[in-house]
Structure formats: C-alpha cells, structure tokens
PDB file of N, CA and C in Angstrom:
ATOM      1  N   MET A   1      21.490  22.912  -2.961  1.00  0.00           N
ATOM      2  CA  MET A   1      20.645  22.610  -1.820  1.00  0.00           C
ATOM      3  C   MET A   1      21.524  22.106  -0.682  1.00  0.00           C
ATOM      4  N   GLU A   2      21.249  22.554   0.494  1.00  0.00           N
ATOM      5  CA  GLU A   2      22.044  22.148   1.654  1.00  0.00           C
ATOM      6  C   GLU A   2      21.778  20.688   2.007  1.00  0.00           C
ATOM      7  N   GLU A   3      22.692  20.115   2.759  1.00  0.00           N
ATOM      8  CA  GLU A   3      22.559  18.716   3.159  1.00  0.00           C
ATOM      9  C   GLU A   3      21.333  18.511   4.046  1.00  0.00           C
ATOM     10  N   GLY A   4      21.032  19.464   4.909  1.00  0.00           N
ATOM     11  CA  GLY A   4      19.850  19.366   5.765  1.00  0.00           C
ATOM     12  C   GLY A   4      18.564  19.399   4.965  1.00  0.00           C
ATOM     13  N   GLY A   5      18.553  20.165   3.884  1.00  0.00           N
ATOM     14  CA  GLY A   5      17.381  20.232   3.013  1.00  0.00           C
ATOM     15  C   GLY A   5      17.125  18.923   2.290  1.00  0.00           C
ATOM     16  N   VAL A   6      18.199  18.257   1.891  1.00  0.00           N
ATOM     17  CA  VAL A   6      18.076  16.966   1.214  1.00  0.00           C
ATOM     18  C   VAL A   6      17.505  15.920   2.166  1.00  0.00           C
ATOM     19  N   ILE A   7      17.964  15.929   3.394  1.00  0.00           N
ATOM     20  CA  ILE A   7      17.475  14.962   4.388  1.00  0.00           C
ATOM     21  C   ILE A   7      16.002  15.206   4.681  1.00  0.00           C
ATOM     22  N   ILE A   8      15.608  16.468   4.802  1.00  0.00           N
ATOM     23  CA  ILE A   8      14.193  16.780   5.049  1.00  0.00           C
ATOM     24  C   ILE A   8      13.344  16.362   3.849  1.00  0.00           C
ATOM     25  N   PHE A   9      13.831  16.615   2.630  1.00  0.00           N
ATOM     26  CA  PHE A   9      13.107  16.207   1.428  1.00  0.00           C
ATOM     27  C   PHE A   9      12.925  14.690   1.376  1.00  0.00           C
ATOM     28  N   GLN A  10      13.969  13.934   1.697  1.00  0.00           N
ATOM     29  CA  GLN A  10      13.878  12.475   1.703  1.00  0.00           C
ATOM     30  C   GLN A  10      12.883  11.989   2.749  1.00  0.00           C
ATOM     31  N   LEU A  11      12.886  12.595   3.913  1.00  0.00           N
ATOM     32  CA  LEU A  11      11.962  12.208   4.973  1.00  0.00           C
ATOM     33  C   LEU A  11      10.519  12.492   4.575  1.00  0.00           C
ATOM     34  N   VAL A  12      10.279  13.649   3.979  1.00  0.00           N
ATOM     35  CA  VAL A  12       8.928  13.991   3.518  1.00  0.00           C
ATOM     36  C   VAL A  12       8.481  13.025   2.432  1.00  0.00           C
ATOM     37  N   LEU A  13       9.359  12.703   1.492  1.00  0.00           N
ATOM     38  CA  LEU A  13       9.036  11.764   0.423  1.00  0.00           C
ATOM     39  C   LEU A  13       8.702  10.389   0.999  1.00  0.00           C
ATOM     40  N   ARG A  14       9.445   9.940   1.996  1.00  0.00           N
ATOM     41  CA  ARG A  14       9.187   8.639   2.609  1.00  0.00           C
ATOM     42  C   ARG A  14       7.851   8.620   3.348  1.00  0.00           C
ATOM     43  N   ILE A  15       7.518   9.693   4.029  1.00  0.00           N
ATOM     44  CA  ILE A  15       6.233   9.755   4.740  1.00  0.00           C
ATOM     45  C   ILE A  15       5.082   9.769   3.742  1.00  0.00           C
ATOM     46  N   ILE A  16       5.213  10.550   2.691  1.00  0.00           N
ATOM     47  CA  ILE A  16       4.169  10.583   1.657  1.00  0.00           C
ATOM     48  C   ILE A  16       4.033   9.210   1.002  1.00  0.00           C
ATOM     49  N   GLY A  17       5.153   8.554   0.712  1.00  0.00           N
ATOM     50  CA  GLY A  17       5.112   7.216   0.114  1.00  0.00           C
ATOM     51  C   GLY A  17       4.422   6.213   1.011  1.00  0.00           C
ATOM     52  N   ALA A  18       4.678   6.284   2.313  1.00  0.00           N
ATOM     53  CA  ALA A  18       4.041   5.362   3.254  1.00  0.00           C
ATOM     54  C   ALA A  18       2.543   5.596   3.312  1.00  0.00           C
ATOM     55  N   VAL A  19       2.114   6.842   3.329  1.00  0.00           N
ATOM     56  CA  VAL A  19       0.681   7.159   3.404  1.00  0.00           C
ATOM     57  C   VAL A  19      -0.034   6.758   2.115  1.00  0.00           C
ATOM     58  N   VAL A  20       0.552   7.079   0.975  1.00  0.00           N
ATOM     59  CA  VAL A  20      -0.055   6.738  -0.311  1.00  0.00           C
ATOM     60  C   VAL A  20      -0.181   5.232  -0.468  1.00  0.00           C
ATOM     61  N   CYS A  21       0.878   4.490  -0.156  1.00  0.00           N
ATOM     62  CA  CYS A  21       0.850   3.030  -0.288  1.00  0.00           C
ATOM     63  C   CYS A  21      -0.135   2.398   0.691  1.00  0.00           C
ATOM     64  N   SER A  22      -0.199   2.926   1.889  1.00  0.00           N
ATOM     65  CA  SER A  22      -1.114   2.390   2.888  1.00  0.00           C
ATOM     66  C   SER A  22      -2.573   2.604   2.467  1.00  0.00           C
ATOM     67  N   ASN A  23      -2.894   3.783   1.971  1.00  0.00           N
ATOM     68  CA  ASN A  23      -4.261   4.059   1.522  1.00  0.00           C
ATOM     69  C   ASN A  23      -4.634   3.228   0.305  1.00  0.00           C
ATOM     70  N   ARG A  24      -3.721   3.082  -0.626  1.00  0.00           N
ATOM     71  CA  ARG A  24      -3.993   2.278  -1.827  1.00  0.00           C
ATOM     72  C   ARG A  24      -4.134   0.801  -1.463  1.00  0.00           C
ATOM     73  N   ALA A  25      -3.338   0.324  -0.519  1.00  0.00           N
ATOM     74  CA  ALA A  25      -3.434  -1.072  -0.080  1.00  0.00           C
ATOM     75  C   ALA A  25      -4.790  -1.337   0.570  1.00  0.00           C
ATOM     76  N   LYS A  26      -5.297  -0.383   1.302  1.00  0.00           N
ATOM     77  CA  LYS A  26      -6.625  -0.529   1.914  1.00  0.00           C
ATOM     78  C   LYS A  26      -7.695  -0.672   0.835  1.00  0.00           C
ATOM     79  N   ASP A  27      -7.594   0.106  -0.241  1.00  0.00           N
ATOM     80  CA  ASP A  27      -8.544   0.016  -1.348  1.00  0.00           C
ATOM     81  C   ASP A  27      -8.447  -1.316  -2.080  1.00  0.00           C
ATOM     82  N   LEU A  28      -7.268  -1.931  -2.080  1.00  0.00           N
ATOM     83  CA  LEU A  28      -7.049  -3.192  -2.785  1.00  0.00           C
ATOM     84  C   LEU A  28      -7.187  -4.418  -1.885  1.00  0.00           C
ATOM     85  N   ASN A  29      -7.631  -4.232  -0.643  1.00  0.00           N
ATOM     86  CA  ASN A  29      -7.778  -5.331   0.335  1.00  0.00           C
ATOM     87  C   ASN A  29      -6.449  -6.039   0.580  1.00  0.00           C
ATOM     88  N   ARG A  30      -5.413  -5.268   0.793  1.00  0.00           N
ATOM     89  CA  ARG A  30      -4.091  -5.814   1.088  1.00  0.00           C
ATOM     90  C   ARG A  30      -3.591  -5.282   2.416  1.00  0.00           C
ATOM     91  N   SER A  31      -2.463  -5.781   2.875  1.00  0.00           N
ATOM     92  CA  SER A  31      -1.910  -5.409   4.174  1.00  0.00           C
ATOM     93  C   SER A  31      -1.494  -3.932   4.186  1.00  0.00           C
ATOM     94  N   THR A  32      -2.189  -3.124   4.987  1.00  0.00           N
ATOM     95  CA  THR A  32      -1.868  -1.700   5.027  1.00  0.00           C
ATOM     96  C   THR A  32      -0.547  -1.433   5.744  1.00  0.00           C
ATOM     97  N   SER A  33      -0.273  -2.174   6.804  1.00  0.00           N
ATOM     98  CA  SER A  33       0.975  -1.937   7.537  1.00  0.00           C
ATOM     99  C   SER A  33       2.189  -2.388   6.727  1.00  0.00           C
ATOM    100  N   GLY A  34       2.083  -3.515   6.051  1.00  0.00           N
ATOM    101  CA  GLY A  34       3.189  -4.002   5.231  1.00  0.00           C
ATOM    102  C   GLY A  34       3.500  -3.061   4.074  1.00  0.00           C
ATOM    103  N   TRP A  35       2.462  -2.620   3.404  1.00  0.00           N
ATOM    104  CA  TRP A  35       2.672  -1.697   2.287  1.00  0.00           C
ATOM    105  C   TRP A  35       3.097  -0.325   2.781  1.00  0.00           C
ATOM    106  N   GLY A  36       2.640   0.080   3.965  1.00  0.00           N
ATOM    107  CA  GLY A  36       3.101   1.339   4.537  1.00  0.00           C
ATOM    108  C   GLY A  36       4.589   1.304   4.835  1.00  0.00           C
ATOM    109  N   PHE A  37       5.057   0.179   5.383  1.00  0.00           N
ATOM    110  CA  PHE A  37       6.493   0.022   5.665  1.00  0.00           C
ATOM    111  C   PHE A  37       7.296   0.007   4.370  1.00  0.00           C
ATOM    112  N   PHE A  38       6.809  -0.744   3.385  1.00  0.00           N
ATOM    113  CA  PHE A  38       7.488  -0.813   2.091  1.00  0.00           C
ATOM    114  C   PHE A  38       7.529   0.572   1.442  1.00  0.00           C
ATOM    115  N   GLY A  39       6.430   1.329   1.569  1.00  0.00           N
ATOM    116  CA  GLY A  39       6.386   2.677   1.029  1.00  0.00           C
ATOM    117  C   GLY A  39       7.318   3.629   1.742  1.00  0.00           C
ATOM    118  N   PHE A  40       7.614   3.370   3.009  1.00  0.00           N
ATOM    119  CA  PHE A  40       8.563   4.213   3.736  1.00  0.00           C
ATOM    120  C   PHE A  40       9.995   3.880   3.362  1.00  0.00           C
ATOM    121  N   VAL A  41      10.290   2.600   3.181  1.00  0.00           N
ATOM    122  CA  VAL A  41      11.664   2.177   2.882  1.00  0.00           C
ATOM    123  C   VAL A  41      12.050   2.510   1.435  1.00  0.00           C
ATOM    124  N   LEU A  42      11.191   2.170   0.493  1.00  0.00           N
ATOM    125  CA  LEU A  42      11.447   2.429  -0.936  1.00  0.00           C
ATOM    126  C   LEU A  42      10.231   3.126  -1.547  1.00  0.00           C
ATOM    127  N   PRO A  43      10.060   4.419  -1.332  1.00  0.00           N
ATOM    128  CA  PRO A  43       8.809   5.082  -1.694  1.00  0.00           C
ATOM    129  C   PRO A  43       8.470   5.071  -3.189  1.00  0.00           C
ATOM    130  N   ILE A  44       9.403   5.358  -4.046  1.00  0.00           N
ATOM    131  CA  ILE A  44       9.108   5.442  -5.481  1.00  0.00           C
ATOM    132  C   ILE A  44       8.746   4.068  -6.034  1.00  0.00           C
ATOM    133  N   ILE A  45       9.554   3.073  -5.718  1.00  0.00           N
ATOM    134  CA  ILE A  45       9.305   1.708  -6.203  1.00  0.00           C
ATOM    135  C   ILE A  45       7.982   1.170  -5.654  1.00  0.00           C
ATOM    136  N   ALA A  46       7.715   1.410  -4.381  1.00  0.00           N
ATOM    137  CA  ALA A  46       6.488   0.908  -3.764  1.00  0.00           C
ATOM    138  C   ALA A  46       5.251   1.553  -4.378  1.00  0.00           C
ATOM    139  N   MET A  47       5.303   2.853  -4.641  1.00  0.00           N
ATOM    140  CA  MET A  47       4.137   3.522  -5.238  1.00  0.00           C
ATOM    141  C   MET A  47       3.867   3.030  -6.653  1.00  0.00           C
ATOM    142  N   ILE A  48       4.917   2.812  -7.432  1.00  0.00           N
ATOM    143  CA  ILE A  48       4.731   2.267  -8.784  1.00  0.00           C
ATOM    144  C   ILE A  48       4.160   0.858  -8.699  1.00  0.00           C
ATOM    145  N   TRP A  49       4.702   0.040  -7.811  1.00  0.00           N
ATOM    146  CA  TRP A  49       4.301  -1.350  -7.684  1.00  0.00           C
ATOM    147  C   TRP A  49       2.840  -1.474  -7.241  1.00  0.00           C
ATOM    148  N   ILE A  50       2.427  -0.706  -6.218  1.00  0.00           N
ATOM    149  CA  ILE A  50       1.067  -0.854  -5.687  1.00  0.00           C
ATOM    150  C   ILE A  50       0.028  -0.373  -6.695  1.00  0.00           C
ATOM    151  N   TYR A  51       0.376   0.579  -7.536  1.00  0.00           N
ATOM    152  CA  TYR A  51      -0.583   1.038  -8.538  1.00  0.00           C
ATOM    153  C   TYR A  51      -0.674   0.094  -9.734  1.00  0.00           C
ATOM    154  N   CYS A  52       0.195  -0.912  -9.808  1.00  0.00           N
ATOM    155  CA  CYS A  52       0.113  -1.920 -10.863  1.00  0.00           C
ATOM    156  C   CYS A  52      -0.644  -3.171 -10.410  1.00  0.00           C
ATOM    157  N   LEU A  53      -0.991  -3.261  -9.134  1.00  0.00           N
ATOM    158  CA  LEU A  53      -1.660  -4.448  -8.609  1.00  0.00           C
ATOM    159  C   LEU A  53      -3.167  -4.399  -8.815  1.00  0.00           C
ATOM    160  N   LYS A  54      -3.756  -5.586  -8.877  1.00  0.00           N
ATOM    161  CA  LYS A  54      -5.211  -5.714  -8.950  1.00  0.00           C
ATOM    162  C   LYS A  54      -5.753  -5.979  -7.546  1.00  0.00           C
ATOM    163  N   PRO A  55      -7.036  -5.713  -7.323  1.00  0.00           N
ATOM    164  CA  PRO A  55      -7.606  -5.969  -5.989  1.00  0.00           C
ATOM    165  C   PRO A  55      -7.562  -7.443  -5.613  1.00  0.00           C
ATOM    166  N   LYS A  56      -7.373  -7.692  -4.341  1.00  0.00           N
ATOM    167  CA  LYS A  56      -7.386  -9.044  -3.809  1.00  0.00           C
ATOM    168  C   LYS A  56      -8.824  -9.340  -3.373  1.00  0.00           C
ATOM    169  N   MET A  57      -9.410 -10.387  -3.922  1.00  0.00           N
ATOM    170  CA  MET A  57     -10.812 -10.713  -3.652  1.00  0.00           C
ATOM    171  C   MET A  57     -10.984 -11.332  -2.277  1.00  0.00           C
ATOM    172  N   GLN A  58     -12.030 -10.927  -1.597  1.00  0.00           N
ATOM    173  CA  GLN A  58     -12.400 -11.503  -0.308  1.00  0.00           C
ATOM    174  C   GLN A  58     -13.552 -12.483  -0.556  1.00  0.00           C
ATOM    175  N   TRP A  59     -13.309 -13.773  -0.371  1.00  0.00           N
ATOM    176  CA  TRP A  59     -14.332 -14.784  -0.603  1.00  0.00           C
ATOM    177  C   TRP A  59     -14.984 -15.158   0.717  1.00  0.00           C
ATOM    178  N   ASP A  60     -16.274 -15.434   0.653  1.00  0.00           N
ATOM    179  CA  ASP A  60     -16.998 -15.901   1.830  1.00  0.00           C
ATOM    180  C   ASP A  60     -16.766 -17.398   1.984  1.00  0.00           C
ATOM    181  N   ASN A  61     -16.284 -17.828   3.157  1.00  0.00           N
ATOM    182  CA  ASN A  61     -15.966 -19.237   3.377  1.00  0.00           C
ATOM    183  C   ASN A  61     -17.205 -20.067   3.691  1.00  0.00           C
ATOM    184  N   ASN A  62     -18.273 -19.469   4.162  1.00  0.00           N
ATOM    185  CA  ASN A  62     -19.429 -20.217   4.619  1.00  0.00           C
ATOM    186  C   ASN A  62     -20.548 -20.291   3.596  1.00  0.00           C
ATOM    187  N   VAL A  63     -20.288 -20.046   2.348  1.00  0.00           N
ATOM    188  CA  VAL A  63     -21.306 -20.099   1.332  1.00  0.00           C
ATOM    189  C   VAL A  63     -21.397 -21.527   0.805  1.00  0.00           C
ATOM    190  N   ASP A  64     -22.606 -22.083   0.810  1.00  0.00           N
ATOM    191  CA  ASP A  64     -22.860 -23.428   0.295  1.00  0.00           C
ATOM    192  C   ASP A  64     -23.580 -23.304  -1.027  1.00  0.00           C
ATOM    193  N   ILE A  65     -22.931 -23.687  -2.121  1.00  0.00           N
ATOM    194  CA  ILE A  65     -23.542 -23.524  -3.433  1.00  0.00           C
ATOM    195  C   ILE A  65     -24.612 -24.586  -3.702  1.00  0.00           C
ATOM    196  N   ASN A  66     -24.631 -25.660  -2.914  1.00  0.00           N
ATOM    197  CA  ASN A  66     -25.630 -26.709  -3.112  1.00  0.00           C
ATOM    198  C   ASN A  66     -26.891 -26.483  -2.277  1.00  0.00           C
ATOM    199  N   LYS A  67     -26.930 -25.427  -1.516  1.00  0.00           N
ATOM    200  CA  LYS A  67     -28.056 -25.127  -0.653  1.00  0.00           C
ATOM    201  C   LYS A  67     -29.244 -24.663  -1.485  1.00  0.00           C
ATOM    202  N   GLU A  68     -30.411 -25.244  -1.220  1.00  0.00           N
ATOM    203  CA  GLU A  68     -31.612 -24.853  -1.942  1.00  0.00           C
ATOM    204  C   GLU A  68     -32.334 -23.789  -1.131  1.00  0.00           C
ATOM    205  N   SER A  69     -32.653 -22.685  -1.774  1.00  0.00           N
ATOM    206  CA  SER A  69     -33.333 -21.584  -1.077  1.00  0.00           C
ATOM    207  C   SER A  69     -34.749 -21.459  -1.516  1.00  0.00           C
TER     208      SER A  69
END
C-alpha cells in the first residue's frame, strides 16, 4: 500500500472513531465534544472504552421527597 493510501486510511479511521464515540456519548449522557476529540486522537482505544461505560444518570435537583401531594 502506498504511503498516501495509509494516510487516507488513518484519516478515515479517525473520522469514523470521532463520529462513533460522539454518538455513543450522546446516548450515555456524556460530553459529546470531549469523546469526539478522544475518538479522533485515539480511535480504537476510545471506541473500546466508550462501549464499556455505563450511562451517566441525570438527577432532578428540584425534587423534594418530603413534599406531600
């Protein structure tokens, strides 16, 4: 494979890694831009890592459990 082909393959892999990590981070309620950047820099490691994570829970801050309804 030519050197130009390797560079194009790496660039495509990095773009795919950024998109996959960003979409998965959105599903897990995590930072899409941070995971997108991580997926671009280290695509294979980032994709493995994000698929091992559990969702981050979004809690309501204004819920009063002592409130009588």
